Amino acid sequence: MQMIVVGAGGLGRECLDTVLAAGRAVDALVDERRTGERVRGLAVLASDQVPAEFDFVVGIADPVVRRRLVRELVGRGGRPVTVVHPTATIAPDSRIGANGAVLGGACVSSSVTIGEHAMVYYNATIGHDAVLGDYVSVYPGANVSGSARLEEDTLVGSGAVVLQGRTVGRGAFVGAGAVVTRDVGPHLVGVGSPASPLR
């Protein structure tokens, strides 16, 4: 079955690197803005040009766009797959949902649950018993401590820290370098140290 990486931008190419490092060939990229180009030697297709059956991973940061593309590609016969870079560390009892991506140097500790279509970027760490919802993104170098909860569509910025047991609500964004010492409500932006919410 053919393997497609969705996204020809920076994250898409990082997902491409992860798939290749995991030992699987990639047949094409999908990116509406770059259709007809070649990136890293691969043809860039529009979503309506994909084959009848294919595996795919979505390398798009925005959870709203990622959700739309997943729905569209599954409707076209695609099967979302999970990719893990061989330099990532995943505890044996941790679970990663469909179409998840764990990039190089990331560490997912014991008894972690990661939802579908979630992404853990380079050198990010996820502590024991943490729960990450669907379409969550944890950016490079961020640290999500043990028993923290990131609800659906949450973004945790580069170098940010979510302390033990804290909850970040659905659709919230934790800014780069922020330290979450108290829960962050849904659809808020938490910035600073300690993180303060902006509406």
N, C-alpha and C. Protein backbone atom coordinates (compact mmCIF):
# COMPACT_ATOMS: atom_id res chain seq x y z
N MET A 1 0.84 -1.19 0.00
CA MET A 1 0.00 0.00 0.00
C MET A 1 0.88 1.25 0.00
N GLN A 2 0.50 2.25 -0.77
CA GLN A 2 1.30 3.46 -0.85
C GLN A 2 1.23 4.26 0.45
N MET A 3 2.31 5.00 0.70
CA MET A 3 2.41 5.84 1.89
C MET A 3 2.47 7.29 1.46
N ILE A 4 1.59 8.11 2.03
CA ILE A 4 1.49 9.52 1.70
C ILE A 4 1.76 10.34 2.95
N VAL A 5 2.55 11.39 2.83
CA VAL A 5 2.70 12.37 3.90
C VAL A 5 1.95 13.62 3.47
N VAL A 6 1.06 14.09 4.33
CA VAL A 6 0.26 15.27 4.02
C VAL A 6 0.95 16.49 4.61
N GLY A 7 1.32 17.42 3.73
CA GLY A 7 2.05 18.61 4.13
C GLY A 7 3.45 18.59 3.56
N ALA A 8 3.79 19.64 2.81
CA ALA A 8 5.14 19.75 2.24
C ALA A 8 5.91 20.89 2.88
N GLY A 9 5.36 21.47 3.94
CA GLY A 9 6.05 22.51 4.69
C GLY A 9 7.03 21.90 5.68
N GLY A 10 7.43 22.71 6.67
CA GLY A 10 8.43 22.26 7.63
C GLY A 10 8.02 21.01 8.39
N LEU A 11 6.82 21.02 8.99
CA LEU A 11 6.39 19.85 9.75
C LEU A 11 6.16 18.65 8.84
N GLY A 12 5.63 18.89 7.65
CA GLY A 12 5.45 17.78 6.72
C GLY A 12 6.76 17.10 6.39
N ARG A 13 7.81 17.91 6.17
CA ARG A 13 9.11 17.32 5.87
C ARG A 13 9.70 16.62 7.09
N GLU A 14 9.42 17.13 8.29
CA GLU A 14 9.86 16.43 9.50
C GLU A 14 9.14 15.09 9.66
N CYS A 15 7.86 15.06 9.31
CA CYS A 15 7.14 13.78 9.32
C CYS A 15 7.70 12.83 8.26
N LEU A 16 8.04 13.39 7.09
CA LEU A 16 8.70 12.59 6.06
C LEU A 16 9.98 11.97 6.60
N ASP A 17 10.81 12.78 7.27
CA ASP A 17 12.04 12.26 7.87
C ASP A 17 11.75 11.13 8.85
N THR A 18 10.69 11.29 9.64
CA THR A 18 10.34 10.29 10.64
C THR A 18 9.91 8.99 9.99
N VAL A 19 9.08 9.09 8.95
CA VAL A 19 8.65 7.87 8.24
C VAL A 19 9.85 7.16 7.63
N LEU A 20 10.73 7.91 6.98
CA LEU A 20 11.91 7.31 6.36
C LEU A 20 12.83 6.68 7.41
N ALA A 21 13.02 7.38 8.53
CA ALA A 21 13.89 6.85 9.58
C ALA A 21 13.31 5.57 10.18
N ALA A 22 11.99 5.47 10.17
CA ALA A 22 11.33 4.27 10.68
C ALA A 22 11.37 3.12 9.69
N GLY A 23 11.94 3.36 8.49
CA GLY A 23 12.17 2.28 7.53
C GLY A 23 11.10 2.08 6.50
N ARG A 24 10.24 3.08 6.32
CA ARG A 24 9.18 2.94 5.32
C ARG A 24 9.38 3.95 4.20
N ALA A 25 9.18 3.52 2.98
CA ALA A 25 9.26 4.42 1.83
C ALA A 25 8.03 5.31 1.79
N VAL A 26 8.21 6.51 1.23
CA VAL A 26 7.11 7.45 1.02
C VAL A 26 6.93 7.63 -0.48
N ASP A 27 5.69 7.54 -0.95
CA ASP A 27 5.41 7.59 -2.38
C ASP A 27 5.13 9.00 -2.88
N ALA A 28 4.53 9.84 -2.05
CA ALA A 28 4.19 11.20 -2.49
C ALA A 28 3.83 12.04 -1.28
N LEU A 29 3.81 13.34 -1.52
CA LEU A 29 3.32 14.31 -0.55
C LEU A 29 2.00 14.88 -1.06
N VAL A 30 1.17 15.37 -0.14
CA VAL A 30 -0.06 16.05 -0.50
C VAL A 30 -0.02 17.45 0.10
N ASP A 31 -0.18 18.45 -0.73
CA ASP A 31 -0.20 19.83 -0.25
C ASP A 31 -0.85 20.69 -1.34
N GLU A 32 -2.04 21.19 -1.05
CA GLU A 32 -2.81 21.94 -2.06
C GLU A 32 -2.05 23.17 -2.55
N ARG A 33 -1.25 23.77 -1.69
CA ARG A 33 -0.54 25.00 -2.08
C ARG A 33 0.68 24.74 -2.95
N ARG A 34 1.14 23.49 -3.00
CA ARG A 34 2.36 23.19 -3.74
C ARG A 34 2.15 22.09 -4.77
N THR A 35 0.91 21.86 -5.14
CA THR A 35 0.59 20.82 -6.12
C THR A 35 1.38 21.02 -7.42
N GLY A 36 1.93 19.91 -7.91
CA GLY A 36 2.70 19.95 -9.14
C GLY A 36 4.19 20.14 -8.93
N GLU A 37 4.59 20.55 -7.74
CA GLU A 37 6.02 20.69 -7.44
C GLU A 37 6.61 19.33 -7.08
N ARG A 38 7.92 19.31 -6.93
CA ARG A 38 8.61 18.17 -6.35
C ARG A 38 9.35 18.66 -5.12
N VAL A 39 9.20 17.95 -4.03
CA VAL A 39 9.86 18.29 -2.77
C VAL A 39 10.62 17.06 -2.29
N ARG A 40 11.91 17.24 -2.08
CA ARG A 40 12.76 16.13 -1.66
C ARG A 40 12.63 14.94 -2.63
N GLY A 41 12.45 15.25 -3.91
CA GLY A 41 12.36 14.22 -4.93
C GLY A 41 11.00 13.57 -5.07
N LEU A 42 10.02 14.02 -4.29
CA LEU A 42 8.69 13.42 -4.32
C LEU A 42 7.69 14.37 -4.98
N ALA A 43 6.76 13.80 -5.72
CA ALA A 43 5.69 14.58 -6.33
C ALA A 43 4.76 15.10 -5.24
N VAL A 44 4.31 16.34 -5.41
CA VAL A 44 3.33 16.93 -4.49
C VAL A 44 1.98 16.92 -5.20
N LEU A 45 1.03 16.22 -4.60
CA LEU A 45 -0.28 16.02 -5.19
C LEU A 45 -1.33 16.88 -4.51
N ALA A 46 -2.45 17.09 -5.20
CA ALA A 46 -3.65 17.60 -4.55
C ALA A 46 -4.37 16.42 -3.89
N SER A 47 -5.24 16.71 -2.93
CA SER A 47 -5.90 15.63 -2.21
C SER A 47 -6.77 14.76 -3.11
N ASP A 48 -7.27 15.33 -4.22
CA ASP A 48 -8.09 14.53 -5.12
C ASP A 48 -7.27 13.71 -6.11
N GLN A 49 -5.94 13.75 -5.99
CA GLN A 49 -5.07 12.97 -6.86
C GLN A 49 -4.49 11.73 -6.17
N VAL A 50 -4.86 11.49 -4.92
CA VAL A 50 -4.29 10.36 -4.20
C VAL A 50 -4.85 9.06 -4.75
N PRO A 51 -4.14 7.93 -4.58
CA PRO A 51 -4.63 6.65 -5.08
C PRO A 51 -5.86 6.19 -4.31
N ALA A 52 -6.46 5.10 -4.80
CA ALA A 52 -7.72 4.63 -4.20
C ALA A 52 -7.54 4.14 -2.77
N GLU A 53 -6.42 3.52 -2.47
CA GLU A 53 -6.14 3.05 -1.12
C GLU A 53 -4.72 3.46 -0.76
N PHE A 54 -4.54 3.99 0.44
CA PHE A 54 -3.21 4.46 0.83
C PHE A 54 -3.16 4.66 2.35
N ASP A 55 -1.96 4.57 2.87
CA ASP A 55 -1.69 4.95 4.25
C ASP A 55 -1.25 6.40 4.27
N PHE A 56 -1.51 7.10 5.37
CA PHE A 56 -1.07 8.49 5.43
C PHE A 56 -0.83 8.94 6.87
N VAL A 57 0.01 9.97 6.97
CA VAL A 57 0.19 10.72 8.21
C VAL A 57 0.11 12.19 7.84
N VAL A 58 -0.50 12.99 8.71
CA VAL A 58 -0.69 14.41 8.42
C VAL A 58 0.34 15.23 9.19
N GLY A 59 1.20 15.92 8.44
CA GLY A 59 2.20 16.81 9.02
C GLY A 59 1.78 18.26 8.90
N ILE A 60 0.65 18.60 9.51
CA ILE A 60 0.12 19.95 9.52
C ILE A 60 -0.08 20.35 10.97
N ALA A 61 0.43 21.51 11.37
CA ALA A 61 0.40 21.88 12.78
C ALA A 61 -1.00 22.28 13.26
N ASP A 62 -1.73 23.02 12.47
CA ASP A 62 -3.03 23.55 12.89
C ASP A 62 -4.03 22.41 13.09
N PRO A 63 -4.56 22.25 14.32
CA PRO A 63 -5.46 21.11 14.55
C PRO A 63 -6.76 21.18 13.76
N VAL A 64 -7.25 22.37 13.46
CA VAL A 64 -8.49 22.50 12.70
C VAL A 64 -8.26 22.01 11.27
N VAL A 65 -7.16 22.44 10.66
CA VAL A 65 -6.83 21.99 9.30
C VAL A 65 -6.53 20.49 9.30
N ARG A 66 -5.81 20.03 10.31
CA ARG A 66 -5.48 18.60 10.40
C ARG A 66 -6.75 17.77 10.46
N ARG A 67 -7.71 18.20 11.26
CA ARG A 67 -8.97 17.48 11.39
C ARG A 67 -9.71 17.41 10.03
N ARG A 68 -9.76 18.52 9.32
CA ARG A 68 -10.45 18.55 8.03
C ARG A 68 -9.79 17.61 7.03
N LEU A 69 -8.45 17.63 6.99
CA LEU A 69 -7.73 16.79 6.04
C LEU A 69 -7.88 15.31 6.38
N VAL A 70 -7.85 14.98 7.64
CA VAL A 70 -8.03 13.58 8.03
C VAL A 70 -9.39 13.09 7.57
N ARG A 71 -10.42 13.87 7.83
CA ARG A 71 -11.78 13.48 7.42
C ARG A 71 -11.87 13.28 5.91
N GLU A 72 -11.26 14.21 5.18
CA GLU A 72 -11.31 14.14 3.71
C GLU A 72 -10.57 12.91 3.19
N LEU A 73 -9.37 12.66 3.73
CA LEU A 73 -8.56 11.56 3.22
C LEU A 73 -9.12 10.19 3.61
N VAL A 74 -9.69 10.09 4.80
CA VAL A 74 -10.35 8.84 5.17
C VAL A 74 -11.53 8.58 4.23
N GLY A 75 -12.24 9.65 3.87
CA GLY A 75 -13.33 9.52 2.92
C GLY A 75 -12.88 9.07 1.54
N ARG A 76 -11.62 9.30 1.21
CA ARG A 76 -11.07 8.88 -0.08
C ARG A 76 -10.40 7.50 -0.01
N GLY A 77 -10.55 6.81 1.10
CA GLY A 77 -10.00 5.47 1.22
C GLY A 77 -8.67 5.40 1.95
N GLY A 78 -8.24 6.51 2.53
CA GLY A 78 -6.97 6.53 3.24
C GLY A 78 -7.05 5.88 4.61
N ARG A 79 -5.93 5.36 5.06
CA ARG A 79 -5.83 4.75 6.39
C ARG A 79 -4.77 5.50 7.18
N PRO A 80 -5.17 6.22 8.25
CA PRO A 80 -4.17 6.95 9.04
C PRO A 80 -3.28 5.98 9.81
N VAL A 81 -1.97 6.25 9.80
CA VAL A 81 -1.01 5.41 10.51
C VAL A 81 -0.22 6.25 11.50
N THR A 82 0.31 5.58 12.49
CA THR A 82 1.14 6.23 13.51
C THR A 82 2.61 6.04 13.14
N VAL A 83 3.40 7.11 13.27
CA VAL A 83 4.82 7.01 12.98
C VAL A 83 5.63 7.48 14.19
N VAL A 84 6.68 6.73 14.49
CA VAL A 84 7.54 7.03 15.63
C VAL A 84 8.99 7.00 15.15
N HIS A 85 9.71 8.08 15.38
CA HIS A 85 11.12 8.11 15.01
C HIS A 85 11.90 7.12 15.86
N PRO A 86 12.86 6.40 15.29
CA PRO A 86 13.60 5.39 16.07
C PRO A 86 14.41 5.97 17.22
N THR A 87 14.68 7.28 17.23
CA THR A 87 15.39 7.86 18.38
C THR A 87 14.44 8.34 19.48
N ALA A 88 13.14 8.22 19.27
CA ALA A 88 12.18 8.55 20.32
C ALA A 88 12.12 7.40 21.32
N THR A 89 11.77 7.73 22.56
CA THR A 89 11.61 6.72 23.61
C THR A 89 10.14 6.65 23.99
N ILE A 90 9.55 5.48 23.88
CA ILE A 90 8.15 5.27 24.21
C ILE A 90 8.08 4.15 25.24
N ALA A 91 7.51 4.41 26.42
CA ALA A 91 7.37 3.36 27.42
C ALA A 91 6.46 2.26 26.90
N PRO A 92 6.74 1.02 27.27
CA PRO A 92 5.99 -0.09 26.68
C PRO A 92 4.50 -0.10 27.00
N ASP A 93 4.08 0.56 28.08
CA ASP A 93 2.65 0.55 28.41
C ASP A 93 1.94 1.84 28.00
N SER A 94 2.63 2.71 27.27
CA SER A 94 2.00 3.93 26.79
C SER A 94 1.31 3.65 25.46
N ARG A 95 0.23 4.40 25.18
CA ARG A 95 -0.57 4.17 23.99
C ARG A 95 -0.63 5.43 23.14
N ILE A 96 -0.42 5.26 21.85
CA ILE A 96 -0.48 6.37 20.89
C ILE A 96 -1.57 6.06 19.88
N GLY A 97 -2.50 6.99 19.71
CA GLY A 97 -3.63 6.77 18.83
C GLY A 97 -3.27 6.83 17.36
N ALA A 98 -4.24 6.52 16.53
CA ALA A 98 -4.06 6.48 15.08
C ALA A 98 -3.58 7.83 14.56
N ASN A 99 -2.69 7.77 13.57
CA ASN A 99 -2.15 8.95 12.90
C ASN A 99 -1.37 9.85 13.84
N GLY A 100 -0.87 9.28 14.93
CA GLY A 100 0.02 10.04 15.80
C GLY A 100 1.40 10.11 15.19
N ALA A 101 2.16 11.11 15.61
CA ALA A 101 3.55 11.22 15.18
C ALA A 101 4.39 11.61 16.38
N VAL A 102 5.44 10.85 16.61
CA VAL A 102 6.39 11.14 17.69
C VAL A 102 7.74 11.30 17.00
N LEU A 103 8.26 12.52 17.04
CA LEU A 103 9.46 12.84 16.27
C LEU A 103 10.73 12.55 17.07
N GLY A 104 11.88 12.75 16.42
CA GLY A 104 13.16 12.34 16.97
C GLY A 104 13.47 12.95 18.33
N GLY A 105 14.00 12.13 19.23
CA GLY A 105 14.44 12.59 20.53
C GLY A 105 13.35 12.81 21.55
N ALA A 106 12.09 12.62 21.16
CA ALA A 106 10.99 12.79 22.12
C ALA A 106 10.99 11.64 23.11
N CYS A 107 10.43 11.89 24.29
CA CYS A 107 10.34 10.87 25.33
C CYS A 107 8.91 10.83 25.85
N VAL A 108 8.30 9.68 25.72
CA VAL A 108 6.95 9.45 26.25
C VAL A 108 7.09 8.44 27.37
N SER A 109 6.84 8.88 28.59
CA SER A 109 7.11 8.09 29.78
C SER A 109 6.03 7.03 30.02
N SER A 110 6.02 6.49 31.21
CA SER A 110 5.19 5.35 31.55
C SER A 110 3.70 5.69 31.64
N SER A 111 2.87 4.80 31.13
CA SER A 111 1.41 4.86 31.29
C SER A 111 0.79 6.13 30.72
N VAL A 112 1.35 6.63 29.63
CA VAL A 112 0.82 7.82 28.95
C VAL A 112 -0.22 7.37 27.92
N THR A 113 -1.27 8.17 27.79
CA THR A 113 -2.27 7.95 26.75
C THR A 113 -2.28 9.16 25.82
N ILE A 114 -2.03 8.91 24.55
CA ILE A 114 -2.03 9.98 23.53
C ILE A 114 -3.14 9.68 22.54
N GLY A 115 -4.00 10.66 22.31
CA GLY A 115 -5.16 10.47 21.44
C GLY A 115 -4.81 10.39 19.97
N GLU A 116 -5.83 10.30 19.17
CA GLU A 116 -5.65 10.19 17.73
C GLU A 116 -5.20 11.51 17.12
N HIS A 117 -4.37 11.40 16.09
CA HIS A 117 -3.92 12.55 15.30
C HIS A 117 -3.15 13.58 16.14
N ALA A 118 -2.51 13.12 17.20
CA ALA A 118 -1.71 14.00 18.07
C ALA A 118 -0.25 13.96 17.63
N MET A 119 0.50 15.02 17.98
CA MET A 119 1.88 15.12 17.55
C MET A 119 2.77 15.53 18.72
N VAL A 120 3.86 14.78 18.89
CA VAL A 120 4.88 15.12 19.89
C VAL A 120 6.15 15.41 19.10
N TYR A 121 6.59 16.66 19.14
CA TYR A 121 7.68 17.13 18.30
C TYR A 121 9.05 16.75 18.88
N TYR A 122 10.10 17.16 18.15
CA TYR A 122 11.47 16.85 18.53
C TYR A 122 11.78 17.25 19.96
N ASN A 123 12.36 16.30 20.70
CA ASN A 123 12.91 16.55 22.05
C ASN A 123 11.87 17.02 23.06
N ALA A 124 10.60 16.82 22.80
CA ALA A 124 9.57 17.09 23.80
C ALA A 124 9.49 15.89 24.74
N THR A 125 9.01 16.11 25.96
CA THR A 125 8.87 15.03 26.93
C THR A 125 7.45 15.02 27.49
N ILE A 126 6.94 13.81 27.65
CA ILE A 126 5.60 13.61 28.21
C ILE A 126 5.76 12.72 29.44
N GLY A 127 5.38 13.23 30.61
CA GLY A 127 5.59 12.52 31.86
C GLY A 127 4.58 11.41 32.11
N HIS A 128 4.89 10.59 33.10
CA HIS A 128 4.07 9.42 33.42
C HIS A 128 2.60 9.79 33.64
N ASP A 129 1.73 8.94 33.18
CA ASP A 129 0.28 9.03 33.41
C ASP A 129 -0.36 10.27 32.80
N ALA A 130 0.34 10.98 31.95
CA ALA A 130 -0.27 12.13 31.26
C ALA A 130 -1.28 11.63 30.23
N VAL A 131 -2.26 12.47 29.97
CA VAL A 131 -3.29 12.15 28.98
C VAL A 131 -3.35 13.30 27.97
N LEU A 132 -3.12 12.98 26.71
CA LEU A 132 -3.19 13.96 25.63
C LEU A 132 -4.38 13.60 24.74
N GLY A 133 -5.27 14.55 24.52
CA GLY A 133 -6.46 14.29 23.71
C GLY A 133 -6.15 14.26 22.23
N ASP A 134 -7.19 14.06 21.45
CA ASP A 134 -7.06 14.03 20.00
C ASP A 134 -6.59 15.40 19.48
N TYR A 135 -5.77 15.37 18.45
CA TYR A 135 -5.29 16.57 17.74
C TYR A 135 -4.47 17.51 18.63
N VAL A 136 -3.87 17.00 19.68
CA VAL A 136 -2.96 17.79 20.51
C VAL A 136 -1.61 17.89 19.81
N SER A 137 -0.92 19.02 19.99
CA SER A 137 0.45 19.17 19.51
C SER A 137 1.32 19.66 20.65
N VAL A 138 2.44 18.98 20.87
CA VAL A 138 3.43 19.39 21.88
C VAL A 138 4.70 19.73 21.10
N TYR A 139 5.03 21.02 21.06
CA TYR A 139 6.09 21.54 20.20
C TYR A 139 7.48 21.21 20.74
N PRO A 140 8.53 21.47 19.94
CA PRO A 140 9.89 21.05 20.30
C PRO A 140 10.33 21.53 21.68
N GLY A 141 10.91 20.61 22.44
CA GLY A 141 11.51 20.95 23.72
C GLY A 141 10.53 21.22 24.84
N ALA A 142 9.23 21.07 24.60
CA ALA A 142 8.25 21.29 25.67
C ALA A 142 8.27 20.11 26.64
N ASN A 143 7.85 20.38 27.87
CA ASN A 143 7.80 19.35 28.90
C ASN A 143 6.41 19.30 29.51
N VAL A 144 5.74 18.18 29.30
CA VAL A 144 4.44 17.94 29.91
C VAL A 144 4.68 16.97 31.06
N SER A 145 4.47 17.44 32.28
CA SER A 145 4.83 16.64 33.46
C SER A 145 3.81 15.55 33.74
N GLY A 146 4.14 14.69 34.69
CA GLY A 146 3.31 13.55 35.02
C GLY A 146 1.90 13.92 35.41
N SER A 147 0.96 13.10 35.00
CA SER A 147 -0.46 13.21 35.32
C SER A 147 -1.11 14.49 34.81
N ALA A 148 -0.42 15.23 33.92
CA ALA A 148 -1.05 16.39 33.29
C ALA A 148 -2.07 15.91 32.27
N ARG A 149 -3.01 16.80 31.97
CA ARG A 149 -4.05 16.48 31.00
C ARG A 149 -4.15 17.60 29.97
N LEU A 150 -3.97 17.25 28.70
CA LEU A 150 -4.11 18.20 27.60
C LEU A 150 -5.35 17.79 26.81
N GLU A 151 -6.37 18.61 26.86
CA GLU A 151 -7.61 18.25 26.19
C GLU A 151 -7.50 18.48 24.68
N GLU A 152 -8.50 18.02 23.97
CA GLU A 152 -8.51 18.02 22.51
C GLU A 152 -8.13 19.38 21.92
N ASP A 153 -7.34 19.35 20.85
CA ASP A 153 -6.94 20.54 20.08
C ASP A 153 -5.99 21.48 20.82
N THR A 154 -5.41 21.05 21.91
CA THR A 154 -4.46 21.88 22.67
C THR A 154 -3.12 21.96 21.95
N LEU A 155 -2.49 23.13 22.03
CA LEU A 155 -1.13 23.33 21.53
C LEU A 155 -0.25 23.76 22.70
N VAL A 156 0.91 23.11 22.84
CA VAL A 156 1.89 23.49 23.87
C VAL A 156 3.14 23.97 23.14
N GLY A 157 3.49 25.25 23.31
CA GLY A 157 4.56 25.88 22.55
C GLY A 157 5.95 25.38 22.91
N SER A 158 6.90 25.71 22.06
CA SER A 158 8.29 25.29 22.23
C SER A 158 8.84 25.71 23.59
N GLY A 159 9.45 24.77 24.28
CA GLY A 159 10.09 25.07 25.55
C GLY A 159 9.13 25.33 26.70
N ALA A 160 7.85 25.19 26.49
CA ALA A 160 6.88 25.41 27.57
C ALA A 160 6.89 24.23 28.55
N VAL A 161 6.38 24.48 29.75
CA VAL A 161 6.30 23.45 30.79
C VAL A 161 4.88 23.42 31.33
N VAL A 162 4.29 22.25 31.36
CA VAL A 162 3.00 22.04 32.03
C VAL A 162 3.30 21.20 33.26
N LEU A 163 3.10 21.79 34.44
CA LEU A 163 3.49 21.11 35.66
C LEU A 163 2.55 19.96 36.00
N GLN A 164 3.03 19.13 36.92
CA GLN A 164 2.35 17.90 37.29
C GLN A 164 0.89 18.13 37.66
N GLY A 165 0.04 17.32 37.07
CA GLY A 165 -1.37 17.33 37.43
C GLY A 165 -2.20 18.46 36.88
N ARG A 166 -1.59 19.36 36.12
CA ARG A 166 -2.35 20.50 35.58
C ARG A 166 -3.15 20.06 34.35
N THR A 167 -4.24 20.79 34.08
CA THR A 167 -5.08 20.54 32.91
C THR A 167 -5.05 21.77 32.00
N VAL A 168 -4.89 21.51 30.72
CA VAL A 168 -4.98 22.56 29.71
C VAL A 168 -6.23 22.25 28.88
N GLY A 169 -7.20 23.18 28.89
CA GLY A 169 -8.51 22.92 28.31
C GLY A 169 -8.51 22.85 26.80
N ARG A 170 -9.60 22.37 26.28
CA ARG A 170 -9.76 22.15 24.85
C ARG A 170 -9.50 23.44 24.06
N GLY A 171 -8.70 23.32 23.01
CA GLY A 171 -8.43 24.44 22.12
C GLY A 171 -7.55 25.52 22.70
N ALA A 172 -6.95 25.28 23.86
CA ALA A 172 -6.08 26.29 24.47
C ALA A 172 -4.69 26.22 23.85
N PHE A 173 -3.95 27.31 24.02
CA PHE A 173 -2.58 27.39 23.53
C PHE A 173 -1.68 27.85 24.66
N VAL A 174 -0.63 27.07 24.95
CA VAL A 174 0.38 27.43 25.93
C VAL A 174 1.55 28.01 25.16
N GLY A 175 1.84 29.30 25.38
CA GLY A 175 2.87 29.98 24.61
C GLY A 175 4.26 29.44 24.86
N ALA A 176 5.16 29.72 23.93
CA ALA A 176 6.54 29.26 24.03
C ALA A 176 7.16 29.75 25.33
N GLY A 177 7.81 28.84 26.05
CA GLY A 177 8.50 29.18 27.29
C GLY A 177 7.61 29.39 28.49
N ALA A 178 6.31 29.27 28.34
CA ALA A 178 5.39 29.47 29.47
C ALA A 178 5.51 28.32 30.46
N VAL A 179 5.19 28.60 31.72
CA VAL A 179 5.17 27.56 32.76
C VAL A 179 3.77 27.52 33.35
N VAL A 180 3.08 26.42 33.11
CA VAL A 180 1.69 26.28 33.57
C VAL A 180 1.70 25.74 34.99
N THR A 181 1.39 26.62 35.94
CA THR A 181 1.33 26.22 37.36
C THR A 181 -0.10 26.05 37.83
N ARG A 182 -1.06 26.58 37.07
CA ARG A 182 -2.49 26.42 37.35
C ARG A 182 -3.18 26.00 36.06
N ASP A 183 -4.34 25.40 36.18
CA ASP A 183 -5.06 24.96 34.99
C ASP A 183 -5.32 26.12 34.04
N VAL A 184 -5.28 25.82 32.74
CA VAL A 184 -5.59 26.79 31.70
C VAL A 184 -6.94 26.40 31.11
N GLY A 185 -7.88 27.33 31.09
CA GLY A 185 -9.22 27.03 30.62
C GLY A 185 -9.30 26.85 29.13
N PRO A 186 -10.42 26.31 28.65
CA PRO A 186 -10.60 26.08 27.22
C PRO A 186 -10.47 27.36 26.40
N HIS A 187 -9.82 27.26 25.26
CA HIS A 187 -9.72 28.34 24.26
C HIS A 187 -9.00 29.59 24.78
N LEU A 188 -8.18 29.42 25.81
CA LEU A 188 -7.38 30.54 26.31
C LEU A 188 -5.94 30.38 25.83
N VAL A 189 -5.18 31.47 25.92
CA VAL A 189 -3.76 31.45 25.64
C VAL A 189 -3.04 31.72 26.96
N GLY A 190 -2.16 30.79 27.36
CA GLY A 190 -1.39 30.95 28.58
C GLY A 190 0.03 31.38 28.25
N VAL A 191 0.46 32.52 28.80
CA VAL A 191 1.81 33.03 28.50
C VAL A 191 2.50 33.40 29.80
N GLY A 192 3.83 33.34 29.78
CA GLY A 192 4.63 33.81 30.90
C GLY A 192 4.92 32.72 31.91
N SER A 193 5.61 33.11 32.99
CA SER A 193 5.99 32.20 34.05
C SER A 193 5.78 32.88 35.41
N PRO A 194 4.75 32.48 36.14
CA PRO A 194 3.78 31.44 35.81
C PRO A 194 2.83 31.91 34.71
N ALA A 195 2.27 30.95 33.98
CA ALA A 195 1.42 31.27 32.84
C ALA A 195 0.15 31.99 33.29
N SER A 196 -0.15 33.09 32.63
CA SER A 196 -1.39 33.84 32.86
C SER A 196 -2.21 33.78 31.60
N PRO A 197 -3.55 33.61 31.75
CA PRO A 197 -4.38 33.44 30.55
C PRO A 197 -4.71 34.75 29.86
N LEU A 198 -4.66 34.71 28.54
CA LEU A 198 -5.19 35.79 27.71
C LEU A 198 -6.39 35.25 26.98
N ARG A 199 -7.44 36.03 26.85
CA ARG A 199 -8.63 35.55 26.14
C ARG A 199 -8.45 35.73 24.65
